[in-house]
Protein backbone atom coordinates (compact mmCIF):
# COMPACT_ATOMS: atom_id res chain seq x y z
CA MET A 1 25.69 172.22 -22.76
CA LYS A 2 23.60 169.10 -22.42
CA ILE A 3 24.77 165.52 -22.73
CA ASN A 4 24.53 164.58 -26.40
CA THR A 5 24.69 161.43 -28.48
CA ASP A 6 27.98 162.40 -30.16
CA GLY A 7 29.74 162.81 -26.84
CA VAL A 8 28.57 159.60 -25.22
CA LEU A 9 29.27 157.59 -28.37
CA LEU A 10 32.83 158.88 -28.51
CA GLY A 11 33.43 158.28 -24.82
CA ALA A 12 32.15 154.71 -25.10
CA VAL A 13 33.84 153.52 -28.31
CA VAL A 14 37.43 154.77 -28.03
CA GLN A 15 40.00 152.03 -27.61
CA LYS A 16 43.64 152.17 -26.56
CA ASN A 17 45.76 149.62 -24.73
CA ASP A 18 48.18 150.61 -21.97
CA THR A 19 46.65 154.04 -21.50
CA LYS A 20 48.16 156.12 -18.70
CA GLN A 21 47.62 159.71 -19.86
CA ILE A 22 44.42 160.97 -21.55
CA LEU A 23 43.55 164.43 -22.89
CA ASP A 24 39.99 165.55 -23.64
CA ILE A 25 39.93 168.68 -25.83
CA GLY A 26 36.80 170.81 -25.54
CA THR A 27 35.46 168.87 -22.59
CA GLY A 28 32.35 171.03 -22.06
CA THR A 29 31.00 170.04 -18.68
CA GLY A 30 33.24 166.95 -18.56
CA VAL A 31 31.05 164.05 -19.65
CA ILE A 32 33.58 162.40 -21.98
CA ALA A 33 36.44 162.89 -19.51
CA LEU A 34 34.41 161.20 -16.77
CA MET A 35 33.47 158.32 -19.06
CA LEU A 36 37.14 157.78 -19.90
CA ALA A 37 38.14 157.93 -16.24
CA GLN A 38 35.56 155.19 -15.60
CA ARG A 39 36.73 153.08 -18.55
CA PHE A 40 40.47 153.48 -17.96
CA PRO A 41 40.93 153.13 -14.18
CA ASP A 42 44.73 153.41 -14.32
CA ALA A 43 44.79 156.61 -16.38
CA LEU A 44 45.06 160.28 -15.49
CA VAL A 45 42.68 162.49 -17.48
CA ASP A 46 43.28 166.15 -18.34
CA ALA A 47 40.37 168.12 -19.78
CA VAL A 48 40.72 171.44 -21.62
CA GLU A 49 37.79 173.82 -22.15
CA ILE A 50 37.80 177.34 -23.64
CA ASP A 51 34.45 178.43 -22.14
CA GLU A 52 34.89 179.58 -18.54
CA SER A 53 31.48 178.60 -17.18
CA ALA A 54 31.69 175.15 -18.79
CA ALA A 55 35.21 174.66 -17.43
CA LEU A 56 34.01 175.59 -13.94
CA ALA A 57 31.11 173.15 -14.27
CA ALA A 58 33.51 170.43 -15.44
CA ALA A 59 35.80 171.07 -12.47
CA ALA A 60 32.85 170.81 -10.10
CA ASN A 61 31.64 167.60 -11.76
CA PHE A 62 35.12 166.12 -11.50
CA SER A 63 35.50 167.00 -7.82
CA ASN A 64 32.11 165.45 -7.04
CA SER A 65 32.87 162.23 -8.90
CA ASN A 66 34.48 158.97 -7.84
CA PHE A 67 37.42 159.87 -10.10
CA SER A 68 38.31 163.24 -8.55
CA ALA A 69 41.93 162.25 -7.90
CA ARG A 70 42.52 161.39 -11.56
CA VAL A 71 40.63 164.05 -13.56
CA LYS A 72 41.58 167.73 -13.87
CA ALA A 73 39.97 170.60 -15.78
CA TYR A 74 41.88 173.46 -17.44
CA HIS A 75 40.21 176.66 -18.59
CA CYS A 76 42.07 177.59 -21.77
CA ALA A 77 42.06 177.21 -25.52
CA ILE A 78 43.93 174.18 -26.79
CA ALA A 79 46.34 176.56 -28.56
CA ALA A 80 47.33 177.98 -25.18
CA TYR A 81 47.60 174.63 -23.41
CA ASN A 82 51.23 173.90 -22.56
CA THR A 83 52.48 170.77 -20.84
CA ASP A 84 55.44 168.41 -20.80
CA ILE A 85 53.06 165.44 -20.73
CA LYS A 86 52.75 163.20 -23.78
CA TYR A 87 49.36 161.57 -24.08
CA ASP A 88 48.57 157.97 -25.03
CA LEU A 89 44.99 158.89 -25.91
CA ILE A 90 43.55 162.21 -27.06
CA VAL A 91 39.83 162.65 -27.69
CA SER A 92 37.66 165.50 -28.90
CA ASN A 93 34.05 166.13 -29.82
CA PRO A 94 34.96 169.42 -31.51
CA PRO A 95 32.91 172.22 -33.05
CA TYR A 96 32.15 171.28 -36.61
CA PHE A 97 29.96 173.69 -38.57
CA VAL A 98 32.87 174.96 -40.65
CA ASN A 99 32.17 178.32 -42.32
CA ASP A 100 28.44 177.95 -41.69
CA LEU A 101 26.10 180.59 -40.29
CA LYS A 102 27.17 181.43 -36.76
CA ASN A 103 24.77 180.81 -33.89
CA PRO A 104 23.57 184.14 -32.46
CA GLU A 105 24.16 182.93 -28.91
CA GLN A 106 27.91 183.38 -28.48
CA ARG A 107 28.65 180.51 -26.12
CA LYS A 108 26.79 177.99 -28.27
CA GLY A 109 28.56 179.46 -31.27
CA ILE A 110 31.93 178.68 -29.73
CA ALA A 111 30.81 175.15 -28.92
CA ARG A 112 29.45 174.41 -32.40
CA HIS A 113 31.42 176.40 -34.95
CA ALA A 114 34.94 176.29 -36.30
CA ASP A 115 36.75 177.05 -39.50
CA GLN A 116 39.38 175.00 -41.29
CA ASP A 117 42.15 176.77 -39.38
CA PHE A 118 40.73 175.28 -36.19
CA PHE A 119 41.16 171.74 -37.49
CA GLU A 120 44.68 172.52 -38.70
CA LEU A 121 45.51 173.78 -35.22
CA LEU A 122 43.86 170.77 -33.61
CA LEU A 123 45.93 168.38 -35.73
CA MET A 124 49.15 170.29 -35.12
CA LYS A 125 48.63 170.50 -31.36
CA THR A 126 47.53 166.91 -30.91
CA SER A 127 50.44 165.65 -33.00
CA GLU A 128 52.78 167.54 -30.66
CA LEU A 129 51.12 166.14 -27.53
CA LEU A 130 50.79 162.52 -28.68
CA THR A 131 53.12 159.68 -27.72
CA ASP A 132 54.70 157.71 -30.57
CA GLU A 133 52.24 154.87 -30.00
CA GLY A 134 49.31 157.09 -29.10
CA CYS A 135 46.07 157.78 -30.97
CA ILE A 136 43.53 160.56 -31.44
CA TRP A 137 39.80 159.87 -31.57
CA LEU A 138 37.32 162.41 -32.99
CA ILE A 139 33.63 162.40 -33.86
CA LEU A 140 32.64 164.63 -36.78
CA PRO A 141 30.11 165.00 -39.59
CA VAL A 142 31.23 163.21 -42.74
CA LYS A 143 32.47 166.29 -44.62
CA GLN A 144 34.61 167.54 -41.74
CA ALA A 145 35.93 164.06 -40.96
CA GLU A 146 37.07 163.60 -44.55
CA PHE A 147 38.88 166.97 -44.42
CA VAL A 148 40.60 166.06 -41.14
CA VAL A 149 41.76 162.67 -42.44
CA GLU A 150 43.11 164.30 -45.60
CA ARG A 151 45.00 167.00 -43.69
CA ALA A 152 46.28 164.60 -41.02
CA ALA A 153 49.04 163.36 -43.34
CA ALA A 154 50.73 166.77 -43.08
CA PHE A 155 51.16 166.10 -39.36
CA ASN A 156 52.38 162.50 -39.76
CA LEU A 157 49.03 161.05 -38.76
CA VAL A 158 47.02 158.44 -40.65
CA LEU A 159 43.61 156.84 -40.32
CA GLY A 160 43.65 153.74 -38.15
CA GLU A 161 39.92 153.21 -37.74
CA ARG A 162 36.63 154.73 -38.87
CA ILE A 163 33.17 154.00 -37.52
CA ASN A 164 30.29 155.08 -39.76
CA VAL A 165 27.43 156.18 -37.50
CA CYS A 166 23.85 155.97 -38.87
CA SER A 167 20.51 156.61 -37.22
CA ASP A 168 19.26 153.29 -38.62
CA GLU A 169 19.89 150.97 -41.54
CA SER A 170 17.71 153.05 -43.87
CA LYS A 171 19.52 156.33 -43.20
CA PRO A 172 22.82 157.64 -44.59
CA VAL A 173 25.94 158.01 -42.47
CA PHE A 174 25.74 161.25 -40.48
CA ARG A 175 28.88 160.99 -38.32
CA HIS A 176 32.32 159.47 -38.61
CA ILE A 177 34.20 158.45 -35.50
CA ILE A 178 37.84 158.43 -36.60
CA CYS A 179 41.04 157.25 -34.99
CA LEU A 180 44.29 158.88 -36.13
CA GLN A 181 47.71 157.46 -35.33
CA ARG A 182 51.33 157.52 -36.48
CA LYS A 183 51.61 153.87 -37.46
CA VAL A 184 50.47 153.14 -41.02
CA VAL A 185 47.94 150.28 -41.13
CA ALA A 186 45.02 149.17 -43.25
CA PRO A 187 42.20 151.15 -41.62
CA LYS A 188 39.48 149.23 -39.83
CA ILE A 189 36.07 150.35 -41.14
CA SER A 190 32.75 149.47 -39.49
CA ASP A 191 29.13 150.64 -39.31
CA PHE A 192 27.16 151.48 -36.18
CA PHE A 193 23.38 151.92 -36.00
CA ILE A 194 21.67 153.77 -33.16
CA TYR A 195 18.04 152.79 -33.81
CA GLU A 196 16.49 149.46 -34.76
CA SER A 197 13.21 151.23 -35.55
CA GLU A 198 11.57 154.49 -34.53
CA LYS A 199 12.53 155.27 -30.91
CA ILE A 200 13.80 151.70 -30.40
CA TYR A 201 17.54 151.50 -29.76
CA THR A 202 19.64 148.71 -31.23
CA GLU A 203 21.07 146.11 -28.88
CA ALA A 204 24.55 147.28 -29.91
CA TYR A 205 23.77 150.83 -28.77
CA LYS A 206 22.34 149.63 -25.45
CA ARG A 207 25.33 147.35 -24.81
CA LEU A 208 27.74 150.16 -25.61
CA LEU A 209 26.16 152.61 -23.18
CA LYS A 210 24.78 150.36 -20.45
CA ASP A 211 27.61 151.25 -18.06
CA PHE A 212 26.90 154.98 -18.43
CA LEU A 213 23.17 155.59 -18.95
CA LEU A 214 20.62 154.50 -16.35
CA ALA A 215 18.02 153.88 -19.06
CA PHE A 216 19.96 150.77 -20.14
């Protein structure tokens, strides 16, 4: 499970004041959890991963990091994750090919595929685990993001912010980064472009990721 653009974008853009407890759902090998530990130095980060080998890799990455005292990996499905902790910030770069053709390689299939029941479960579980003032950040393709925002109301969650991610100014939106919360507000909507031209990153993208990627 390689580092991907979706994951690093999510880890770099999420915002939440007074964050003490963070949950990363589907952490993979732990990249987003480590980014959040770096960005929120006063927070404890729990990371849940259903795939055993990925969870073991995440645990090893955490123990070898500068944030080992504050980041912990759990090998389980989010449905089976039980805790008394309420989280200020929950993040997930979830599987998203809903009802599409399954990948023949099982582990990649788990990482990339979900059905609508998965998103219902994700919303229900995160709503249970969230503090009253907390928020949930997800990165999803447009179709799945629209479904999640629509269904969020059933779990007393509303859209607080949406970032429309485009490859460049000539391309359509291919991802939504969404923030769900309990407090009803006028959602903040913005656009984010990765490339200025072919293979040339925008200054905004480089600024966003300069603290995490050596190339910048």
